C-alpha atoms as a PDB file:
ATOM      1  CA  UNK A   1     111.563 116.555 186.385  1.00  0.00           C
ATOM      2  CA  UNK A   2     113.764 114.965 183.727  1.00  0.00           C
ATOM      3  CA  UNK A   3     117.570 115.421 184.272  1.00  0.00           C
ATOM      4  CA  UNK A   4     119.635 117.103 181.403  1.00  0.00           C
ATOM      5  CA  UNK A   5     116.765 118.599 179.662  1.00  0.00           C
ATOM      6  CA  UNK A   6     117.299 122.039 180.532  1.00  0.00           C
ATOM      7  CA  UNK A   7     120.239 124.081 179.879  1.00  0.00           C
ATOM      8  CA  UNK A   8     122.404 125.493 182.650  1.00  0.00           C
ATOM      9  CA  UNK A   9     121.252 128.794 184.104  1.00  0.00           C
ATOM     10  CA  UNK A  10     123.773 131.098 185.695  1.00  0.00           C
ATOM     11  CA  UNK A  11     125.627 134.480 185.953  1.00  0.00           C
ATOM     12  CA  UNK A  12     126.571 135.921 182.485  1.00  0.00           C
ATOM     13  CA  UNK A  13     127.782 139.603 181.712  1.00  0.00           C
ATOM     14  CA  UNK A  14     126.337 141.187 178.586  1.00  0.00           C
ATOM     15  CA  UNK A  15     128.439 143.928 176.868  1.00  0.00           C
ATOM     16  CA  UNK A  16     126.752 146.517 174.628  1.00  0.00           C
ATOM     17  CA  UNK A  17     129.611 147.371 172.272  1.00  0.00           C
ATOM     18  CA  UNK A  18     127.756 150.422 170.827  1.00  0.00           C
ATOM     19  CA  UNK A  19     127.378 152.152 174.106  1.00  0.00           C
ATOM     20  CA  UNK A  20     130.311 150.457 175.981  1.00  0.00           C
ATOM     21  CA  UNK A  21     128.132 149.534 178.732  1.00  0.00           C
ATOM     22  CA  UNK A  22     128.144 146.179 180.722  1.00  0.00           C
ATOM     23  CA  UNK A  23     125.800 144.357 183.009  1.00  0.00           C
ATOM     24  CA  UNK A  24     125.752 141.314 184.994  1.00  0.00           C
ATOM     25  CA  UNK A  25     122.500 139.004 184.915  1.00  0.00           C
ATOM     26  CA  UNK A  26     121.612 135.429 184.695  1.00  0.00           C
ATOM     27  CA  UNK A  27     121.040 133.657 181.464  1.00  0.00           C
ATOM     28  CA  UNK A  28     121.124 130.210 179.738  1.00  0.00           C
ATOM     29  CA  UNK A  29     123.722 131.945 177.105  1.00  0.00           C
ATOM     30  CA  UNK A  30     127.288 130.884 177.198  1.00  0.00           C
ATOM     31  CA  UNK A  31     130.592 132.084 175.638  1.00  0.00           C
ATOM     32  CA  UNK A  32     134.099 131.018 175.462  1.00  0.00           C
ATOM     33  CA  UNK A  33     135.085 134.539 176.376  1.00  0.00           C
ATOM     34  CA  UNK A  34     135.308 135.790 179.976  1.00  0.00           C
ATOM     35  CA  UNK A  35     135.682 138.787 181.879  1.00  0.00           C
ATOM     36  CA  UNK A  36     136.555 139.809 185.573  1.00  0.00           C
ATOM     37  CA  UNK A  37     133.598 141.736 186.952  1.00  0.00           C
ATOM     38  CA  UNK A  38     133.784 144.182 189.640  1.00  0.00           C
ATOM     39  CA  UNK A  39     133.177 141.643 192.370  1.00  0.00           C
ATOM     40  CA  UNK A  40     136.447 139.949 191.341  1.00  0.00           C
ATOM     41  CA  UNK A  41     134.907 136.884 189.938  1.00  0.00           C
ATOM     42  CA  UNK A  42     135.380 135.713 186.291  1.00  0.00           C
ATOM     43  CA  UNK A  43     131.997 135.463 184.239  1.00  0.00           C
ATOM     44  CA  UNK A  44     131.401 134.441 180.702  1.00  0.00           C
ATOM     45  CA  UNK A  45     130.765 137.602 178.400  1.00  0.00           C
ATOM     46  CA  UNK A  46     128.383 137.787 175.693  1.00  0.00           C
ATOM     47  CA  UNK A  47     128.689 140.962 173.099  1.00  0.00           C
ATOM     48  CA  UNK A  48     125.417 142.192 171.980  1.00  0.00           C
ATOM     49  CA  UNK A  49     125.001 144.919 169.211  1.00  0.00           C
ATOM     50  CA  UNK A  50     122.217 146.688 171.115  1.00  0.00           C
ATOM     51  CA  UNK A  51     120.688 147.055 174.449  1.00  0.00           C
ATOM     52  CA  UNK A  52     118.321 149.147 176.439  1.00  0.00           C
ATOM     53  CA  UNK A  53     121.315 151.676 176.875  1.00  0.00           C
ATOM     54  CA  UNK A  54     121.597 152.311 173.085  1.00  0.00           C
ATOM     55  CA  UNK A  55     118.366 151.421 171.615  1.00  0.00           C
ATOM     56  CA  UNK A  56     116.589 154.309 170.078  1.00  0.00           C
ATOM     57  CA  UNK A  57     113.328 153.667 171.699  1.00  0.00           C
ATOM     58  CA  UNK A  58     114.807 153.876 175.090  1.00  0.00           C
ATOM     59  CA  UNK A  59     117.146 156.771 174.436  1.00  0.00           C
ATOM     60  CA  UNK A  60     114.769 158.995 172.646  1.00  0.00           C
ATOM     61  CA  UNK A  61     117.006 159.514 169.723  1.00  0.00           C
ATOM     62  CA  UNK A  62     115.736 158.423 166.188  1.00  0.00           C
ATOM     63  CA  UNK A  63     117.848 157.555 163.186  1.00  0.00           C
ATOM     64  CA  UNK A  64     117.092 159.892 160.184  1.00  0.00           C
ATOM     65  CA  UNK A  65     116.247 157.955 157.152  1.00  0.00           C
ATOM     66  CA  UNK A  66     116.457 159.333 153.496  1.00  0.00           C
ATOM     67  CA  UNK A  67     112.644 159.255 152.963  1.00  0.00           C
ATOM     68  CA  UNK A  68     112.761 161.806 150.172  1.00  0.00           C
ATOM     69  CA  UNK A  69     115.053 159.720 148.158  1.00  0.00           C
ATOM     70  CA  UNK A  70     112.645 156.825 148.422  1.00  0.00           C
ATOM     71  CA  UNK A  71     109.519 158.992 147.642  1.00  0.00           C
ATOM     72  CA  UNK A  72     111.347 160.272 144.536  1.00  0.00           C
ATOM     73  CA  UNK A  73     112.020 156.675 143.439  1.00  0.00           C
ATOM     74  CA  UNK A  74     108.649 155.585 143.869  1.00  0.00           C
ATOM     75  CA  UNK A  75     107.161 158.472 142.074  1.00  0.00           C
ATOM     76  CA  UNK A  76     109.776 157.913 139.372  1.00  0.00           C
ATOM     77  CA  UNK A  77     108.634 154.193 138.885  1.00  0.00           C
ATOM     78  CA  UNK A  78     104.991 154.413 139.329  1.00  0.00           C
ATOM     79  CA  UNK A  79     104.417 157.967 138.035  1.00  0.00           C
ATOM     80  CA  UNK A  80     103.580 160.938 140.253  1.00  0.00           C
ATOM     81  CA  UNK A  81      99.940 162.137 140.768  1.00  0.00           C
ATOM     82  CA  UNK A  82      98.525 159.782 138.258  1.00  0.00           C
ATOM     83  CA  UNK A  83      94.701 159.062 138.894  1.00  0.00           C
ATOM     84  CA  UNK A  84      93.096 155.723 138.202  1.00  0.00           C
ATOM     85  CA  UNK A  85      89.644 155.230 136.671  1.00  0.00           C
END
């Protein structure tokens, strides 16, 4: 294997800001920010917007979208109930 072709692979803490959840794993990602973990060691921390703790697919909660407004806008633009041919 060639030297210096692969990124370093080490322990990293990922912090889900939406759910206030942190977990320690191994990754090639790095960060300037660090955090002291439960074992007393300091690890780089990477902030993420969403993880399995806050993702709607895993939590079973879905976000409600304003589909009625979209449908009305579509019908207004292209005409409601117009048949072709």
